[in-house]
Amino acid sequence: MQETTQNKSFRIPEGYSAGLMSQSFWFTEFKKTVKLRQDGFTYDEIKRTCVEENLFGAAKAYRAARMSGYLIARLKAMDDDLLALFCEADMATQKLIHLICVLSTDRLFFEFVYEVYREKVQIGAAYLEDSDINAFFTRKEAQNDLIASWKDSTKKHLRANYSNFMREANLLTAEDGQKRITPPILDTRLEEYLKAVHAEAFIRALTGVN
């Protein structure tokens, strides 16, 4: 029997994590977990199905288990209303919803989009520069001992993944080796949903509006 989920708001984790370093956007795989959820599967049943049937085509069972764990964490950010909206939406909106679910599980990534991407959109910048990403991490290292303790290789992976995730969600477009900023126009239903669950910060982060 499927658990009923009702969000009153998206709650960003209090602590920082480098967990996104070992993840990918996995949009196709995420859609498979959404379909299982829509069909009434519990989270435990989704994980078991993903591993036993190797829905993601993983080379090893442990890899399938890790992927399903990450994807279910994103899936848990969706209440029944957002799940229904995802299933009815076009691909562009589905990717934005997926990105919002990722952002809701990772404080540092959310802060990057809110503090850096949003500001670039507000000033009308054409591109997101590597220097923008580096400056963000330098600032966070000065503010937080945990981030300062991370290896350079960890921060390098995170910087790359932030760019990749945003490109996959169409917030950035690759252009002659640069990252062109392409802020989305939100589906009206998604915007209304985010307002209803007091998640206006996501609207501001993605679109740059005040």
Protein backbone atom coordinates (compact mmCIF):
# COMPACT_ATOMS: atom_id res chain seq x y z
CA MET A 1 0.00 0.00 0.00
CA GLN A 2 1.45 3.34 -1.05
CA GLU A 3 2.22 5.89 1.64
CA THR A 4 0.39 9.19 1.23
CA THR A 5 2.71 12.17 1.02
CA GLN A 6 1.64 15.73 1.63
CA ASN A 7 4.27 18.47 1.68
CA LYS A 8 3.64 21.79 3.37
CA SER A 9 6.95 23.13 2.08
CA PHE A 10 10.29 22.05 0.73
CA ARG A 11 12.79 21.87 3.56
CA ILE A 12 16.42 22.24 2.56
CA PRO A 13 18.78 20.13 4.73
CA GLU A 14 20.49 22.11 7.48
CA GLY A 15 23.95 20.65 6.92
CA TYR A 16 26.23 20.56 3.92
CA SER A 17 27.07 17.41 2.00
CA ALA A 18 29.37 16.44 -0.86
CA GLY A 19 27.05 13.58 -1.80
CA LEU A 20 26.21 15.10 -5.16
CA MET A 21 29.81 14.41 -6.20
CA SER A 22 28.97 10.75 -6.88
CA GLN A 23 25.61 11.35 -8.54
CA SER A 24 24.35 12.19 -12.02
CA PHE A 25 21.18 13.90 -13.16
CA TRP A 26 19.59 10.53 -14.05
CA PHE A 27 16.44 12.01 -15.55
CA THR A 28 15.37 8.85 -17.40
CA GLU A 29 15.96 6.75 -14.29
CA PHE A 30 14.06 9.25 -12.14
CA LYS A 31 11.06 8.99 -14.47
CA LYS A 32 11.06 5.23 -13.91
CA THR A 33 10.87 5.68 -10.14
CA VAL A 34 8.08 8.23 -10.56
CA LYS A 35 6.14 5.73 -12.69
CA LEU A 36 6.51 3.07 -10.01
CA ARG A 37 5.35 5.53 -7.37
CA GLN A 38 2.38 6.47 -9.50
CA ASP A 39 1.54 2.78 -9.81
CA GLY A 40 1.29 2.53 -6.02
CA PHE A 41 4.71 1.16 -5.06
CA THR A 42 6.13 2.05 -1.66
CA TYR A 43 9.66 3.42 -1.44
CA ASP A 44 10.95 0.05 -0.23
CA GLU A 45 9.21 -1.71 -3.12
CA ILE A 46 10.67 0.80 -5.59
CA LYS A 47 14.18 0.17 -4.31
CA ARG A 48 13.74 -3.59 -4.38
CA THR A 49 12.31 -3.48 -7.91
CA CYS A 50 15.11 -1.23 -9.17
CA VAL A 51 17.74 -3.60 -7.81
CA GLU A 52 16.17 -6.98 -8.53
CA GLU A 53 15.05 -6.07 -12.04
CA ASN A 54 18.06 -3.81 -12.68
CA LEU A 55 15.82 -1.09 -14.11
CA PHE A 56 18.78 1.26 -14.50
CA GLY A 57 21.05 -1.18 -16.33
CA ALA A 58 23.69 -0.89 -13.63
CA ALA A 59 26.80 -3.04 -13.99
CA LYS A 60 26.67 -4.20 -10.36
CA ALA A 61 23.87 -4.76 -7.84
CA TYR A 62 25.51 -2.42 -5.32
CA ARG A 63 25.54 0.33 -7.94
CA ALA A 64 21.84 -0.19 -8.63
CA ALA A 65 21.16 0.00 -4.89
CA ARG A 66 23.13 3.26 -4.54
CA MET A 67 21.39 4.83 -7.53
CA SER A 68 17.96 3.84 -6.27
CA GLY A 69 18.78 5.29 -2.86
CA TYR A 70 19.75 8.64 -4.33
CA LEU A 71 16.72 8.70 -6.63
CA ILE A 72 14.29 7.76 -3.89
CA ALA A 73 15.66 10.62 -1.76
CA ARG A 74 14.72 12.94 -4.63
CA LEU A 75 11.38 11.20 -5.07
CA LYS A 76 10.52 11.75 -1.40
CA ALA A 77 10.55 15.51 -2.04
CA MET A 78 7.41 15.05 -4.16
CA ASP A 79 3.99 15.05 -2.59
CA ASP A 80 0.97 13.63 -4.38
CA ASP A 81 0.17 16.93 -6.08
CA LEU A 82 3.68 17.38 -7.47
CA LEU A 83 3.77 13.75 -8.54
CA ALA A 84 0.57 14.27 -10.53
CA LEU A 85 1.91 17.50 -12.03
CA PHE A 86 5.13 15.76 -13.08
CA CYS A 87 3.21 13.02 -14.85
CA GLU A 88 1.09 15.55 -16.78
CA ALA A 89 3.87 18.03 -17.63
CA ASP A 90 6.00 18.37 -20.73
CA MET A 91 9.63 17.24 -20.62
CA ALA A 92 11.05 20.71 -19.93
CA THR A 93 8.85 21.09 -16.85
CA GLN A 94 9.58 17.53 -15.74
CA LYS A 95 13.29 18.32 -15.81
CA LEU A 96 12.73 21.45 -13.72
CA ILE A 97 10.68 19.50 -11.19
CA HIS A 98 13.44 16.92 -11.04
CA LEU A 99 16.02 19.65 -10.49
CA ILE A 100 13.90 21.13 -7.70
CA CYS A 101 13.82 17.70 -6.04
CA VAL A 102 17.62 17.52 -6.29
CA LEU A 103 18.01 21.02 -4.88
CA SER A 104 15.73 20.15 -1.98
CA THR A 105 18.12 17.36 -0.95
CA ASP A 106 21.36 19.36 -1.17
CA ARG A 107 21.85 22.64 0.69
CA LEU A 108 25.08 23.69 -1.00
CA PHE A 109 23.73 23.16 -4.51
CA PHE A 110 20.58 25.11 -3.64
CA GLU A 111 22.68 27.96 -2.27
CA PHE A 112 24.78 27.96 -5.44
CA VAL A 113 21.72 28.30 -7.67
CA TYR A 114 20.12 30.87 -5.38
CA GLU A 115 23.21 32.98 -4.75
CA VAL A 116 25.12 32.69 -8.01
CA TYR A 117 22.79 31.69 -10.86
CA ARG A 118 19.98 33.94 -9.64
CA GLU A 119 22.29 36.95 -9.36
CA LYS A 120 23.68 36.35 -12.85
CA VAL A 121 20.13 36.25 -14.23
CA GLN A 122 19.22 39.44 -12.37
CA ILE A 123 22.11 41.42 -13.84
CA GLY A 124 21.46 40.06 -17.32
CA ALA A 125 24.76 38.18 -17.63
CA ALA A 126 25.04 36.05 -20.75
CA TYR A 127 27.29 33.34 -19.33
CA LEU A 128 28.07 31.53 -16.10
CA GLU A 129 31.84 31.69 -15.77
CA ASP A 130 34.16 29.24 -14.06
CA SER A 131 35.31 32.16 -11.93
CA ASP A 132 31.74 32.53 -10.61
CA ILE A 133 31.74 28.90 -9.47
CA ASN A 134 35.22 29.14 -7.97
CA ALA A 135 34.36 32.32 -6.08
CA PHE A 136 31.29 30.62 -4.60
CA PHE A 137 33.36 27.74 -3.23
CA THR A 138 36.03 30.06 -1.91
CA ARG A 139 33.38 32.03 -0.05
CA LYS A 140 31.77 28.90 1.38
CA GLU A 141 35.14 27.52 2.48
CA ALA A 142 35.70 30.68 4.51
CA GLN A 143 32.27 30.34 6.09
CA ASN A 144 32.19 26.62 6.85
CA ASP A 145 34.91 24.34 8.25
CA LEU A 146 33.40 21.19 6.73
CA ILE A 147 33.53 22.59 3.20
CA ALA A 148 37.05 23.89 3.85
CA SER A 149 38.11 20.36 4.82
CA TRP A 150 36.97 18.78 1.56
CA LYS A 151 39.64 17.62 -0.87
CA ASP A 152 40.26 19.70 -3.97
CA SER A 153 39.16 16.71 -6.06
CA THR A 154 35.81 16.67 -4.22
CA LYS A 155 35.19 20.34 -4.92
CA LYS A 156 36.25 19.85 -8.54
CA HIS A 157 33.66 17.09 -8.97
CA LEU A 158 30.98 19.23 -7.34
CA ARG A 159 31.74 22.21 -9.57
CA ALA A 160 31.46 20.00 -12.64
CA ASN A 161 28.24 18.38 -11.44
CA TYR A 162 26.58 21.69 -10.63
CA SER A 163 27.18 22.78 -14.21
CA ASN A 164 26.09 19.42 -15.62
CA PHE A 165 22.87 19.28 -13.60
CA MET A 166 21.93 22.82 -14.59
CA ARG A 167 22.66 22.07 -18.24
CA GLU A 168 20.54 18.90 -18.08
CA ALA A 169 17.67 20.96 -16.66
CA ASN A 170 18.15 23.59 -19.40
CA LEU A 171 19.21 26.40 -17.05
CA LEU A 172 22.47 26.48 -18.98
CA THR A 173 23.21 25.80 -22.64
CA ALA A 174 26.63 24.79 -23.95
CA GLU A 175 27.83 27.35 -26.49
CA ASP A 176 31.35 27.38 -27.93
CA GLY A 177 32.78 25.95 -24.74
CA GLN A 178 30.90 28.42 -22.56
CA LYS A 179 27.86 28.06 -20.32
CA ARG A 180 25.13 30.35 -21.65
CA ILE A 181 22.51 31.28 -19.05
CA THR A 182 19.02 30.29 -20.21
CA PRO A 183 16.58 30.97 -17.36
CA PRO A 184 13.32 29.04 -17.67
CA ILE A 185 9.78 30.30 -17.97
CA LEU A 186 7.95 28.24 -15.36
CA ASP A 187 4.80 26.37 -16.20
CA THR A 188 1.97 28.25 -14.50
CA ARG A 189 0.88 25.13 -12.64
CA LEU A 190 4.38 24.57 -11.26
CA GLU A 191 4.67 28.18 -10.16
CA GLU A 192 1.28 28.02 -8.43
CA TYR A 193 2.27 24.77 -6.73
CA LEU A 194 5.52 26.21 -5.40
CA LYS A 195 3.67 29.20 -4.01
CA ALA A 196 1.07 26.95 -2.40
CA VAL A 197 3.74 24.97 -0.52
CA HIS A 198 5.63 28.13 0.49
CA ALA A 199 8.58 27.30 -1.78
CA GLU A 200 8.88 30.66 -3.50
CA ALA A 201 12.65 30.51 -2.97
CA PHE A 202 12.81 27.96 -5.77
CA ILE A 203 10.99 30.32 -8.11
CA ARG A 204 13.46 33.06 -7.27
CA ALA A 205 16.44 30.73 -7.63
CA LEU A 206 15.46 29.43 -11.05
CA THR A 207 14.07 32.55 -12.67
CA GLY A 208 15.92 35.37 -10.92
CA VAL A 209 12.74 37.18 -9.90
CA ASN A 210 12.68 39.07 -6.60
